């Protein structure tokens, strides 16, 4: 596994954890599903965005906004 792949997996785990913390009614599986099915996740997978290098809270702000508004900004 490459460093980028490992960093991406760690980011996904961190995003799901933050989402579950902010939404206590979500299970870990539901939080992970929301992350994986988001546009934010697709951007995270795009090596050109380099989002995997950013802090989890920074990337989470995109996910949170996407879930609240339906758009990534």
N, C-alpha and C. Protein backbone atom coordinates (compact mmCIF):
# COMPACT_ATOMS: atom_id res chain seq x y z
N UNK A 1 0.85 -1.17 0.00
CA UNK A 1 0.00 0.00 0.00
C UNK A 1 0.90 1.24 0.00
N UNK A 2 0.55 2.16 -0.87
CA UNK A 2 1.35 3.38 -0.97
C UNK A 2 1.04 4.33 0.19
N UNK A 3 1.90 5.30 0.35
CA UNK A 3 1.70 6.30 1.40
C UNK A 3 0.39 7.07 1.18
N UNK A 4 0.11 7.41 -0.08
CA UNK A 4 -1.11 8.15 -0.41
C UNK A 4 -2.34 7.32 -0.07
N UNK A 5 -2.32 6.03 -0.40
CA UNK A 5 -3.45 5.16 -0.09
C UNK A 5 -3.67 5.06 1.42
N UNK A 6 -2.59 4.94 2.17
CA UNK A 6 -2.69 4.85 3.62
C UNK A 6 -3.24 6.15 4.21
N UNK A 7 -2.76 7.27 3.70
CA UNK A 7 -3.24 8.56 4.19
C UNK A 7 -4.72 8.75 3.86
N UNK A 8 -5.13 8.28 2.69
CA UNK A 8 -6.54 8.38 2.29
C UNK A 8 -7.41 7.52 3.19
N UNK A 9 -6.98 6.30 3.48
CA UNK A 9 -7.74 5.42 4.38
C UNK A 9 -7.85 6.02 5.78
N UNK A 10 -6.76 6.58 6.26
CA UNK A 10 -6.78 7.23 7.57
C UNK A 10 -7.74 8.41 7.58
N UNK A 11 -7.76 9.17 6.49
CA UNK A 11 -8.67 10.32 6.40
C UNK A 11 -10.12 9.86 6.42
N UNK A 12 -10.42 8.80 5.70
CA UNK A 12 -11.80 8.28 5.68
C UNK A 12 -12.22 7.86 7.09
N UNK A 13 -11.34 7.17 7.79
CA UNK A 13 -11.63 6.76 9.16
C UNK A 13 -11.86 7.97 10.05
N UNK A 14 -11.01 8.98 9.92
CA UNK A 14 -11.16 10.19 10.72
C UNK A 14 -12.44 10.95 10.39
N UNK A 15 -12.79 11.02 9.11
CA UNK A 15 -14.02 11.70 8.72
C UNK A 15 -15.24 10.99 9.29
N UNK A 16 -15.26 9.67 9.21
CA UNK A 16 -16.38 8.90 9.76
C UNK A 16 -16.47 9.09 11.27
N UNK A 17 -15.34 9.13 11.94
CA UNK A 17 -15.32 9.34 13.39
C UNK A 17 -15.87 10.72 13.74
N UNK A 18 -15.43 11.75 13.04
CA UNK A 18 -15.92 13.11 13.29
C UNK A 18 -17.41 13.21 13.01
N UNK A 19 -17.86 12.56 11.95
CA UNK A 19 -19.28 12.59 11.61
C UNK A 19 -20.11 11.91 12.69
N UNK A 20 -19.64 10.77 13.18
CA UNK A 20 -20.36 10.06 14.24
C UNK A 20 -20.36 10.87 15.55
N UNK A 21 -19.28 11.57 15.83
CA UNK A 21 -19.22 12.41 17.03
C UNK A 21 -20.22 13.57 16.95
N UNK A 22 -20.34 14.15 15.76
CA UNK A 22 -21.26 15.28 15.58
C UNK A 22 -22.71 14.85 15.46
N UNK A 23 -22.94 13.58 15.15
CA UNK A 23 -24.28 13.04 14.97
C UNK A 23 -24.41 11.74 15.76
N UNK A 24 -24.65 11.83 17.05
CA UNK A 24 -24.64 10.65 17.92
C UNK A 24 -25.66 9.57 17.54
N UNK A 25 -26.66 9.92 16.75
CA UNK A 25 -27.65 8.90 16.35
C UNK A 25 -27.13 8.01 15.24
N UNK A 26 -26.02 8.39 14.60
CA UNK A 26 -25.44 7.58 13.53
C UNK A 26 -24.58 6.46 14.11
N UNK A 27 -24.70 5.29 13.52
CA UNK A 27 -23.77 4.21 13.88
C UNK A 27 -22.48 4.43 13.12
N UNK A 28 -21.46 3.72 13.49
CA UNK A 28 -20.17 3.82 12.79
C UNK A 28 -20.34 3.42 11.33
N UNK A 29 -21.14 2.40 11.07
CA UNK A 29 -21.37 1.94 9.71
C UNK A 29 -22.10 2.99 8.88
N UNK A 30 -23.09 3.65 9.48
CA UNK A 30 -23.82 4.69 8.76
C UNK A 30 -22.91 5.87 8.45
N UNK A 31 -22.08 6.25 9.41
CA UNK A 31 -21.15 7.36 9.20
C UNK A 31 -20.17 7.03 8.08
N UNK A 32 -19.64 5.82 8.10
CA UNK A 32 -18.71 5.40 7.07
C UNK A 32 -19.39 5.38 5.70
N UNK A 33 -20.61 4.92 5.65
CA UNK A 33 -21.36 4.90 4.40
C UNK A 33 -21.59 6.30 3.86
N UNK A 34 -21.92 7.24 4.73
CA UNK A 34 -22.12 8.62 4.30
C UNK A 34 -20.83 9.20 3.72
N UNK A 35 -19.72 8.90 4.36
CA UNK A 35 -18.43 9.40 3.86
C UNK A 35 -18.12 8.81 2.49
N UNK A 36 -18.23 7.50 2.38
CA UNK A 36 -17.86 6.81 1.14
C UNK A 36 -18.77 7.19 -0.03
N UNK A 37 -20.00 7.53 0.25
CA UNK A 37 -20.94 7.87 -0.81
C UNK A 37 -21.02 9.37 -1.08
N UNK A 38 -20.07 10.13 -0.57
CA UNK A 38 -20.10 11.59 -0.73
C UNK A 38 -19.21 12.05 -1.89
N UNK A 39 -19.50 13.26 -2.37
CA UNK A 39 -18.64 13.89 -3.35
C UNK A 39 -17.29 14.25 -2.72
N UNK A 40 -17.30 14.55 -1.44
CA UNK A 40 -16.06 14.85 -0.73
C UNK A 40 -15.11 13.66 -0.82
N UNK A 41 -15.65 12.45 -0.68
CA UNK A 41 -14.83 11.24 -0.79
C UNK A 41 -14.23 11.14 -2.20
N UNK A 42 -15.03 11.43 -3.21
CA UNK A 42 -14.52 11.38 -4.59
C UNK A 42 -13.38 12.37 -4.78
N UNK A 43 -13.51 13.53 -4.18
CA UNK A 43 -12.43 14.51 -4.26
C UNK A 43 -11.21 14.05 -3.48
N UNK A 44 -11.43 13.37 -2.38
CA UNK A 44 -10.33 12.82 -1.59
C UNK A 44 -9.56 11.78 -2.39
N UNK A 45 -10.26 10.99 -3.19
CA UNK A 45 -9.61 9.97 -4.02
C UNK A 45 -8.82 10.57 -5.18
N UNK A 46 -9.17 11.78 -5.58
CA UNK A 46 -8.47 12.44 -6.68
C UNK A 46 -7.12 12.94 -6.17
N UNK A 47 -6.07 12.30 -6.64
CA UNK A 47 -4.72 12.65 -6.18
C UNK A 47 -4.38 14.12 -6.44
N UNK A 48 -4.99 14.71 -7.44
CA UNK A 48 -4.71 16.10 -7.78
C UNK A 48 -5.17 17.10 -6.74
N UNK A 49 -6.19 16.74 -5.96
CA UNK A 49 -6.68 17.67 -4.93
C UNK A 49 -5.77 17.70 -3.71
N UNK A 50 -5.06 16.61 -3.50
CA UNK A 50 -4.15 16.45 -2.36
C UNK A 50 -4.86 16.67 -1.02
N UNK A 51 -6.16 16.40 -0.99
CA UNK A 51 -6.92 16.55 0.27
C UNK A 51 -6.42 15.61 1.36
N UNK A 52 -5.84 14.49 0.97
CA UNK A 52 -5.35 13.52 1.95
C UNK A 52 -4.21 14.10 2.79
N UNK A 53 -3.59 15.18 2.34
CA UNK A 53 -2.53 15.85 3.10
C UNK A 53 -3.07 16.85 4.12
N UNK A 54 -4.33 17.19 4.01
CA UNK A 54 -4.92 18.22 4.86
C UNK A 54 -5.34 17.62 6.22
N UNK A 55 -5.70 18.49 7.13
CA UNK A 55 -6.15 18.01 8.44
C UNK A 55 -7.56 17.43 8.30
N UNK A 56 -7.88 16.44 9.12
CA UNK A 56 -9.23 15.86 9.05
C UNK A 56 -10.33 16.88 9.29
N UNK A 57 -10.11 17.83 10.19
CA UNK A 57 -11.14 18.86 10.46
C UNK A 57 -11.37 19.73 9.23
N UNK A 58 -10.31 20.04 8.51
CA UNK A 58 -10.45 20.85 7.30
C UNK A 58 -11.29 20.10 6.26
N UNK A 59 -10.95 18.84 6.00
CA UNK A 59 -11.69 18.05 5.02
C UNK A 59 -13.12 17.81 5.51
N UNK A 60 -13.27 17.63 6.82
CA UNK A 60 -14.60 17.42 7.38
C UNK A 60 -15.50 18.64 7.13
N UNK A 61 -14.93 19.82 7.10
CA UNK A 61 -15.74 21.02 6.83
C UNK A 61 -16.40 20.92 5.46
N UNK A 62 -15.71 20.34 4.49
CA UNK A 62 -16.30 20.13 3.17
C UNK A 62 -17.43 19.09 3.24
N UNK A 63 -17.17 18.00 3.94
CA UNK A 63 -18.18 16.95 4.08
C UNK A 63 -19.41 17.46 4.81
N UNK A 64 -19.19 18.17 5.88
CA UNK A 64 -20.31 18.71 6.67
C UNK A 64 -21.15 19.65 5.82
N UNK A 65 -20.50 20.54 5.09
CA UNK A 65 -21.21 21.46 4.22
C UNK A 65 -21.99 20.70 3.14
N UNK A 66 -21.36 19.69 2.58
CA UNK A 66 -22.02 18.88 1.54
C UNK A 66 -23.26 18.20 2.09
N UNK A 67 -23.17 17.64 3.28
CA UNK A 67 -24.31 16.94 3.85
C UNK A 67 -25.43 17.91 4.23
N UNK A 68 -25.07 19.12 4.60
CA UNK A 68 -26.09 20.11 4.99
C UNK A 68 -26.74 20.79 3.79
N UNK A 69 -25.95 21.02 2.72
CA UNK A 69 -26.46 21.78 1.58
C UNK A 69 -26.65 20.96 0.31
N UNK A 70 -26.03 19.79 0.28
CA UNK A 70 -26.10 18.98 -0.94
C UNK A 70 -25.05 19.34 -1.95
N UNK A 71 -24.16 20.27 -1.60
CA UNK A 71 -23.10 20.70 -2.53
C UNK A 71 -21.77 20.77 -1.79
N UNK A 72 -20.70 20.50 -2.54
CA UNK A 72 -19.36 20.64 -1.99
C UNK A 72 -18.86 22.03 -2.33
N UNK A 73 -18.37 22.74 -1.33
CA UNK A 73 -17.80 24.07 -1.56
C UNK A 73 -16.43 24.15 -0.95
